[in-house]
């Protein structure tokens, strides 16, 4: 597991104004470059899994909780991005 202070220190060397999602270090994927600066990118699946494991939520409850309390939390123009990876198998199927 990534320690919060290690991640913050590392990112401060890149851009001190990067906004992080508190308590979601395990789901940190990287940075997205925008005209306003770097934005932290997180894995939605990893965040949902964290709530399922630590708070013993079922998938639907964890997904709803994350959507409402994490993803929808706007903290300014540099609000983190939450990425949902869609496997190629799904979009690459013949229709």
N, C-alpha and C. Protein backbone atom coordinates (compact mmCIF):
# COMPACT_ATOMS: atom_id res chain seq x y z
N UNK A 1 0.84 -1.18 0.00
CA UNK A 1 0.00 0.00 0.00
C UNK A 1 0.89 1.24 0.00
N UNK A 2 0.51 2.22 -0.77
CA UNK A 2 1.26 3.47 -0.85
C UNK A 2 0.97 4.31 0.39
N UNK A 3 2.00 4.81 1.00
CA UNK A 3 1.80 5.67 2.15
C UNK A 3 1.43 7.07 1.67
N UNK A 4 0.41 7.70 2.30
CA UNK A 4 -0.05 9.02 1.85
C UNK A 4 1.05 10.06 1.78
N UNK A 5 1.91 10.11 2.78
CA UNK A 5 2.96 11.14 2.79
C UNK A 5 3.97 10.93 1.68
N UNK A 6 4.28 9.67 1.36
CA UNK A 6 5.22 9.39 0.27
C UNK A 6 4.66 9.89 -1.06
N UNK A 7 3.39 9.62 -1.31
CA UNK A 7 2.76 10.07 -2.55
C UNK A 7 2.72 11.58 -2.61
N UNK A 8 2.30 12.22 -1.53
CA UNK A 8 2.23 13.69 -1.50
C UNK A 8 3.60 14.33 -1.73
N UNK A 9 4.63 13.79 -1.08
CA UNK A 9 5.98 14.33 -1.25
C UNK A 9 6.46 14.16 -2.69
N UNK A 10 6.22 12.98 -3.25
CA UNK A 10 6.63 12.72 -4.62
C UNK A 10 5.94 13.69 -5.58
N UNK A 11 4.64 13.85 -5.44
CA UNK A 11 3.88 14.71 -6.35
C UNK A 11 4.19 16.20 -6.15
N UNK A 12 4.55 16.58 -4.95
CA UNK A 12 4.90 17.98 -4.68
C UNK A 12 6.12 18.40 -5.49
N UNK A 13 7.00 17.46 -5.80
CA UNK A 13 8.16 17.76 -6.63
C UNK A 13 7.77 18.01 -8.08
N UNK A 14 6.62 17.50 -8.47
CA UNK A 14 6.12 17.70 -9.83
C UNK A 14 5.27 18.96 -9.92
N UNK A 15 4.32 19.08 -8.97
CA UNK A 15 3.40 20.22 -8.96
C UNK A 15 2.76 20.28 -7.58
N UNK A 16 3.05 21.31 -6.82
CA UNK A 16 2.54 21.44 -5.45
C UNK A 16 1.02 21.59 -5.37
N UNK A 17 0.38 21.93 -6.47
CA UNK A 17 -1.06 22.18 -6.45
C UNK A 17 -1.91 20.99 -6.88
N UNK A 18 -1.30 19.82 -7.04
CA UNK A 18 -2.08 18.62 -7.37
C UNK A 18 -3.01 18.30 -6.21
N UNK A 19 -4.28 18.10 -6.52
CA UNK A 19 -5.27 17.76 -5.51
C UNK A 19 -5.42 16.24 -5.47
N UNK A 20 -5.32 15.68 -4.26
CA UNK A 20 -5.45 14.24 -4.10
C UNK A 20 -6.77 13.88 -3.44
N UNK A 21 -7.25 12.69 -3.71
CA UNK A 21 -8.45 12.17 -3.05
C UNK A 21 -8.01 11.53 -1.74
N UNK A 22 -8.44 12.10 -0.64
CA UNK A 22 -8.01 11.63 0.68
C UNK A 22 -8.34 10.16 0.89
N UNK A 23 -7.36 9.43 1.37
CA UNK A 23 -7.55 8.04 1.72
C UNK A 23 -7.63 7.07 0.55
N UNK A 24 -7.31 7.54 -0.65
CA UNK A 24 -7.44 6.69 -1.83
C UNK A 24 -6.09 6.39 -2.49
N UNK A 25 -5.03 6.44 -1.72
CA UNK A 25 -3.69 6.23 -2.28
C UNK A 25 -3.57 4.90 -3.00
N UNK A 26 -4.26 3.88 -2.50
CA UNK A 26 -4.18 2.55 -3.12
C UNK A 26 -4.71 2.55 -4.55
N UNK A 27 -5.56 3.50 -4.89
CA UNK A 27 -6.18 3.54 -6.21
C UNK A 27 -5.52 4.56 -7.15
N UNK A 28 -4.46 5.23 -6.70
CA UNK A 28 -3.79 6.23 -7.52
C UNK A 28 -3.14 5.56 -8.72
N UNK A 29 -3.44 6.08 -9.92
CA UNK A 29 -2.88 5.53 -11.16
C UNK A 29 -1.78 6.40 -11.74
N UNK A 30 -1.93 7.71 -11.64
CA UNK A 30 -0.97 8.60 -12.26
C UNK A 30 -1.54 10.00 -12.40
N UNK A 31 -1.01 10.73 -13.38
CA UNK A 31 -1.41 12.12 -13.58
C UNK A 31 -1.91 12.35 -15.00
N UNK A 32 -2.86 13.25 -15.12
CA UNK A 32 -3.32 13.70 -16.43
C UNK A 32 -2.86 15.14 -16.58
N UNK A 33 -2.34 15.47 -17.74
CA UNK A 33 -1.88 16.82 -18.01
C UNK A 33 -3.00 17.62 -18.66
N UNK A 34 -3.32 18.78 -18.09
CA UNK A 34 -4.37 19.64 -18.62
C UNK A 34 -3.81 21.06 -18.75
N UNK A 35 -4.51 21.95 -19.44
CA UNK A 35 -4.05 23.33 -19.53
C UNK A 35 -3.94 24.01 -18.16
N UNK A 36 -4.70 23.49 -17.15
CA UNK A 36 -4.67 24.08 -15.81
C UNK A 36 -3.65 23.42 -14.90
N UNK A 37 -2.91 22.45 -15.41
CA UNK A 37 -1.92 21.74 -14.60
C UNK A 37 -2.24 20.27 -14.52
N UNK A 38 -1.48 19.57 -13.72
CA UNK A 38 -1.68 18.13 -13.56
C UNK A 38 -2.89 17.84 -12.68
N UNK A 39 -3.58 16.74 -13.02
CA UNK A 39 -4.72 16.27 -12.24
C UNK A 39 -4.46 14.81 -11.88
N UNK A 40 -4.69 14.48 -10.61
CA UNK A 40 -4.52 13.10 -10.15
C UNK A 40 -5.59 12.21 -10.77
N UNK A 41 -5.19 10.99 -11.13
CA UNK A 41 -6.09 10.02 -11.74
C UNK A 41 -6.15 8.78 -10.85
N UNK A 42 -7.37 8.32 -10.58
CA UNK A 42 -7.60 7.17 -9.72
C UNK A 42 -8.42 6.10 -10.42
N UNK A 43 -8.26 4.87 -9.98
CA UNK A 43 -9.04 3.75 -10.47
C UNK A 43 -10.34 3.63 -9.68
N UNK A 44 -11.45 3.81 -10.35
CA UNK A 44 -12.75 3.67 -9.69
C UNK A 44 -12.91 2.26 -9.13
N UNK A 45 -12.51 1.26 -9.88
CA UNK A 45 -12.63 -0.13 -9.42
C UNK A 45 -11.85 -0.37 -8.13
N UNK A 46 -10.65 0.18 -8.05
CA UNK A 46 -9.84 -0.01 -6.84
C UNK A 46 -10.48 0.67 -5.63
N UNK A 47 -11.10 1.82 -5.84
CA UNK A 47 -11.77 2.51 -4.73
C UNK A 47 -12.97 1.70 -4.27
N UNK A 48 -13.76 1.20 -5.21
CA UNK A 48 -14.92 0.38 -4.86
C UNK A 48 -14.45 -0.87 -4.10
N UNK A 49 -13.41 -1.52 -4.60
CA UNK A 49 -12.88 -2.72 -3.93
C UNK A 49 -12.44 -2.42 -2.51
N UNK A 50 -11.86 -1.25 -2.30
CA UNK A 50 -11.41 -0.86 -0.96
C UNK A 50 -12.60 -0.82 0.01
N UNK A 51 -13.69 -0.20 -0.42
CA UNK A 51 -14.87 -0.11 0.45
C UNK A 51 -15.50 -1.47 0.67
N UNK A 52 -15.46 -2.32 -0.34
CA UNK A 52 -16.00 -3.67 -0.17
C UNK A 52 -15.17 -4.46 0.85
N UNK A 53 -13.85 -4.33 0.80
CA UNK A 53 -12.98 -5.07 1.71
C UNK A 53 -12.96 -4.49 3.11
N UNK A 54 -12.76 -3.18 3.21
CA UNK A 54 -12.59 -2.56 4.52
C UNK A 54 -13.90 -2.32 5.26
N UNK A 55 -14.95 -1.98 4.53
CA UNK A 55 -16.23 -1.67 5.17
C UNK A 55 -17.28 -2.76 4.96
N UNK A 56 -16.84 -3.86 4.32
CA UNK A 56 -17.70 -5.01 4.09
C UNK A 56 -19.00 -4.65 3.35
N UNK A 57 -18.90 -3.73 2.40
CA UNK A 57 -20.05 -3.36 1.57
C UNK A 57 -20.16 -4.34 0.42
N UNK A 58 -21.40 -4.58 -0.04
CA UNK A 58 -21.54 -5.35 -1.28
C UNK A 58 -21.22 -4.41 -2.44
N UNK A 59 -21.08 -4.98 -3.64
CA UNK A 59 -20.64 -4.18 -4.79
C UNK A 59 -21.56 -3.00 -5.05
N UNK A 60 -22.86 -3.23 -5.07
CA UNK A 60 -23.82 -2.16 -5.41
C UNK A 60 -23.76 -1.03 -4.39
N UNK A 61 -23.66 -1.36 -3.11
CA UNK A 61 -23.59 -0.34 -2.06
C UNK A 61 -22.30 0.45 -2.17
N UNK A 62 -21.19 -0.26 -2.39
CA UNK A 62 -19.89 0.41 -2.51
C UNK A 62 -19.87 1.31 -3.74
N UNK A 63 -20.40 0.83 -4.86
CA UNK A 63 -20.42 1.64 -6.08
C UNK A 63 -21.25 2.91 -5.88
N UNK A 64 -22.41 2.79 -5.27
CA UNK A 64 -23.25 3.96 -5.02
C UNK A 64 -22.56 4.93 -4.07
N UNK A 65 -21.94 4.41 -3.02
CA UNK A 65 -21.22 5.24 -2.07
C UNK A 65 -20.11 6.01 -2.75
N UNK A 66 -19.32 5.32 -3.56
CA UNK A 66 -18.19 5.94 -4.25
C UNK A 66 -18.68 7.00 -5.24
N UNK A 67 -19.72 6.69 -6.01
CA UNK A 67 -20.25 7.67 -6.96
C UNK A 67 -20.67 8.95 -6.26
N UNK A 68 -21.39 8.81 -5.17
CA UNK A 68 -21.94 9.98 -4.47
C UNK A 68 -20.90 10.72 -3.63
N UNK A 69 -20.08 9.98 -2.89
CA UNK A 69 -19.19 10.60 -1.90
C UNK A 69 -17.77 10.85 -2.37
N UNK A 70 -17.34 10.18 -3.42
CA UNK A 70 -15.96 10.34 -3.89
C UNK A 70 -15.95 11.02 -5.26
N UNK A 71 -16.56 10.41 -6.23
CA UNK A 71 -16.50 10.91 -7.60
C UNK A 71 -17.20 12.25 -7.76
N UNK A 72 -18.33 12.42 -7.11
CA UNK A 72 -19.10 13.66 -7.26
C UNK A 72 -18.59 14.80 -6.38
N UNK A 73 -17.56 14.56 -5.58
CA UNK A 73 -17.01 15.60 -4.70
C UNK A 73 -16.15 16.55 -5.52
N UNK A 74 -16.67 17.72 -5.82
CA UNK A 74 -15.94 18.73 -6.60
C UNK A 74 -15.11 19.58 -5.65
N UNK A 75 -13.81 19.65 -5.93
CA UNK A 75 -12.91 20.44 -5.08
C UNK A 75 -12.13 21.47 -5.89
N UNK A 76 -12.73 21.93 -6.96
CA UNK A 76 -12.10 22.95 -7.78
C UNK A 76 -11.71 22.43 -9.15
N UNK A 77 -11.09 23.30 -9.93
CA UNK A 77 -10.77 22.95 -11.33
C UNK A 77 -9.75 21.83 -11.44
N UNK A 78 -9.09 21.51 -10.36
CA UNK A 78 -8.11 20.42 -10.39
C UNK A 78 -8.61 19.19 -9.61
N UNK A 79 -9.93 19.05 -9.55
CA UNK A 79 -10.54 17.88 -8.92
C UNK A 79 -10.00 16.62 -9.59
N UNK A 80 -9.65 15.60 -8.82
CA UNK A 80 -9.14 14.36 -9.41
C UNK A 80 -10.12 13.74 -10.41
N UNK A 81 -9.54 12.93 -11.29
CA UNK A 81 -10.30 12.18 -12.29
C UNK A 81 -10.39 10.73 -11.81
N UNK A 82 -11.56 10.11 -12.01
CA UNK A 82 -11.77 8.73 -11.61
C UNK A 82 -12.04 7.92 -12.86
N UNK A 83 -11.12 7.01 -13.15
CA UNK A 83 -11.12 6.26 -14.40
C UNK A 83 -11.77 4.90 -14.23
N UNK A 84 -12.67 4.60 -15.15
CA UNK A 84 -13.26 3.27 -15.22
C UNK A 84 -12.72 2.62 -16.48
N UNK A 85 -11.97 1.57 -16.31
CA UNK A 85 -11.35 0.90 -17.44
C UNK A 85 -12.36 -0.07 -18.06
N UNK A 86 -12.54 0.06 -19.36
CA UNK A 86 -13.44 -0.82 -20.10
C UNK A 86 -12.57 -1.77 -20.91
N UNK A 87 -12.63 -3.05 -20.58
CA UNK A 87 -11.78 -4.02 -21.30
C UNK A 87 -12.05 -4.02 -22.80
N UNK A 88 -10.97 -4.19 -23.56
CA UNK A 88 -11.09 -4.20 -25.02
C UNK A 88 -12.07 -5.26 -25.50
N UNK A 89 -12.15 -6.36 -24.79
CA UNK A 89 -13.06 -7.44 -25.19
C UNK A 89 -14.51 -6.95 -25.31
N UNK A 90 -14.88 -6.00 -24.46
CA UNK A 90 -16.25 -5.51 -24.46
C UNK A 90 -16.51 -4.62 -25.65
N UNK A 91 -15.66 -3.65 -25.93
CA UNK A 91 -15.93 -2.72 -27.03
C UNK A 91 -15.41 -3.20 -28.36
N UNK A 92 -14.62 -4.26 -28.35
CA UNK A 92 -14.05 -4.77 -29.58
C UNK A 92 -14.82 -5.97 -30.14
N UNK A 93 -15.94 -6.31 -29.48
CA UNK A 93 -16.75 -7.43 -29.97
C UNK A 93 -17.42 -7.07 -31.28
N UNK A 94 -17.61 -8.06 -32.11
CA UNK A 94 -18.34 -7.83 -33.36
C UNK A 94 -19.81 -7.63 -33.03
N UNK A 95 -20.37 -6.63 -33.61
CA UNK A 95 -21.80 -6.32 -33.35
C UNK A 95 -22.69 -7.02 -34.31
